[in-house]
Amino acid sequence: MTQFDDDEARRRLESERQRVNSLIIDLRGEEQSEGDQDSELAHYDQHPADTASDTFEREKDLAILEGLESELAEIEAALQRLEDGSYGVDEVTGAPIDRARLEALPTARTNVDTPH
């Protein structure tokens, strides 16, 4: 990639890192406030369906958080590849990753294989 492309990739990745970090912070904040509410409600009887709904929502939030943390790790890895000069190089073949693929998925580590 040219220097301009590296700068553009860095800008996009850093913007995406900021967005994902913000989502993680928001989700953890919601998780914390829900935990505080749960402790307040612990003294009251809850219907089993309410408990199941609460459990489902907590598990859903944890799954979303896990996905965001994984996405953040991929962004950090792509930024590291930019630093060490390996960004845009297919990790399997060593060939350059197609520019359109990097534009669509800036964290791409490989080219997309075409069916034979």
Protein backbone atom coordinates (compact mmCIF):
# COMPACT_ATOMS: atom_id res chain seq x y z
CA MET A 1 0.00 0.00 0.00
CA THR A 2 1.17 3.54 -0.58
CA GLN A 3 1.76 5.97 2.29
CA PHE A 4 -1.54 7.70 1.53
CA ASP A 5 -3.33 4.36 1.73
CA ASP A 6 -1.60 3.58 5.04
CA ASP A 7 -2.70 6.95 6.43
CA GLU A 8 -6.27 6.35 5.26
CA ALA A 9 -6.26 2.83 6.72
CA ARG A 10 -4.90 4.15 10.04
CA ARG A 11 -7.57 6.85 10.15
CA ARG A 12 -10.35 4.34 9.48
CA LEU A 13 -9.00 1.83 11.99
CA GLU A 14 -8.55 4.43 14.71
CA SER A 15 -12.05 5.74 14.09
CA GLU A 16 -13.42 2.21 14.30
CA ARG A 17 -11.41 1.55 17.47
CA GLN A 18 -12.95 4.64 19.06
CA ARG A 19 -16.46 3.56 18.03
CA VAL A 20 -16.04 0.01 19.36
CA ASN A 21 -14.44 1.24 22.59
CA SER A 22 -17.40 3.56 23.12
CA LEU A 23 -19.85 0.70 22.61
CA ILE A 24 -17.93 -1.47 25.08
CA ILE A 25 -17.91 1.28 27.69
CA ASP A 26 -21.65 1.89 27.22
CA LEU A 27 -22.46 -1.82 27.46
CA ARG A 28 -20.34 -2.29 30.57
CA GLY A 29 -22.04 0.74 32.12
CA GLU A 30 -25.47 -0.74 31.42
CA GLU A 31 -24.31 -4.08 32.80
CA GLN A 32 -23.13 -2.38 36.01
CA SER A 33 -26.36 -0.43 36.50
CA GLU A 34 -28.43 -3.57 35.90
CA GLY A 35 -26.34 -5.38 38.50
CA ASP A 36 -27.11 -2.62 40.99
CA GLN A 37 -30.83 -2.91 40.22
CA ASP A 38 -30.71 -6.70 40.59
CA SER A 39 -29.31 -6.43 44.10
CA GLU A 40 -32.10 -4.01 45.05
CA LEU A 41 -34.75 -6.38 43.72
CA ALA A 42 -33.26 -9.44 45.39
CA HIS A 43 -35.48 -8.86 48.42
CA TYR A 44 -38.67 -9.15 46.41
CA ASP A 45 -40.18 -12.26 44.93
CA GLN A 46 -39.82 -12.38 41.18
CA HIS A 47 -41.82 -14.46 38.79
CA PRO A 48 -39.70 -17.19 37.16
CA ALA A 49 -40.44 -15.73 33.71
CA ASP A 50 -39.03 -12.37 34.83
CA THR A 51 -35.92 -14.08 36.12
CA ALA A 52 -35.54 -15.98 32.84
CA SER A 53 -35.96 -12.75 30.85
CA ASP A 54 -33.33 -11.02 32.98
CA THR A 55 -30.95 -13.95 32.52
CA PHE A 56 -31.51 -13.96 28.77
CA GLU A 57 -30.82 -10.21 28.54
CA ARG A 58 -27.62 -10.54 30.60
CA GLU A 59 -26.39 -13.43 28.44
CA LYS A 60 -27.23 -11.50 25.27
CA ASP A 61 -25.33 -8.46 26.54
CA LEU A 62 -22.34 -10.63 27.45
CA ALA A 63 -22.34 -12.19 23.97
CA ILE A 64 -22.45 -8.73 22.38
CA LEU A 65 -19.64 -7.57 24.67
CA GLU A 66 -17.54 -10.60 23.76
CA GLY A 67 -18.07 -9.88 20.05
CA LEU A 68 -17.09 -6.22 20.49
CA GLU A 69 -13.96 -7.19 22.43
CA SER A 70 -13.02 -9.61 19.65
CA GLU A 71 -13.60 -6.87 17.06
CA LEU A 72 -11.44 -4.50 19.09
CA ALA A 73 -8.65 -7.08 19.22
CA GLU A 74 -8.78 -7.39 15.40
CA ILE A 75 -8.58 -3.61 15.05
CA GLU A 76 -5.59 -3.47 17.42
CA ALA A 77 -3.90 -6.27 15.45
CA ALA A 78 -4.48 -4.40 12.17
CA LEU A 79 -2.98 -1.22 13.67
CA GLN A 80 0.03 -3.27 14.79
CA ARG A 81 0.41 -4.63 11.25
CA LEU A 82 0.41 -1.03 10.00
CA GLU A 83 3.20 -0.25 12.47
CA ASP A 84 5.36 -3.21 11.49
CA GLY A 85 4.74 -2.84 7.76
CA SER A 86 2.82 -6.08 7.22
CA TYR A 87 -0.61 -4.46 6.78
CA GLY A 88 -2.22 -5.38 3.48
CA VAL A 89 -0.21 -8.59 3.09
CA ASP A 90 -2.03 -11.92 3.06
CA GLU A 91 -0.89 -13.85 6.15
CA VAL A 92 -1.21 -17.19 4.34
CA THR A 93 0.20 -16.52 0.87
CA GLY A 94 2.25 -13.35 1.38
CA ALA A 95 0.50 -11.76 -1.60
CA PRO A 96 -0.95 -8.24 -1.36
CA ILE A 97 -4.54 -8.16 -0.12
CA ASP A 98 -6.91 -6.73 -2.71
CA ARG A 99 -7.50 -3.03 -2.08
CA ALA A 100 -11.29 -3.41 -2.39
CA ARG A 101 -11.21 -6.07 0.35
CA LEU A 102 -9.25 -3.77 2.66
CA GLU A 103 -11.67 -0.94 1.97
CA ALA A 104 -14.58 -3.22 2.83
CA LEU A 105 -12.85 -4.88 5.79
CA PRO A 106 -9.86 -2.87 7.05
CA THR A 107 -8.94 -5.64 9.52
CA ALA A 108 -8.63 -8.29 6.78
CA ARG A 109 -5.71 -10.67 7.26
CA THR A 110 -6.14 -12.63 4.02
CA ASN A 111 -7.60 -12.40 0.55
CA VAL A 112 -10.90 -14.05 -0.16
CA ASP A 113 -10.46 -17.38 -1.91
CA THR A 114 -12.42 -17.74 -5.11
CA PRO A 115 -14.11 -21.09 -5.79
CA HIS A 116 -12.38 -23.24 -8.39
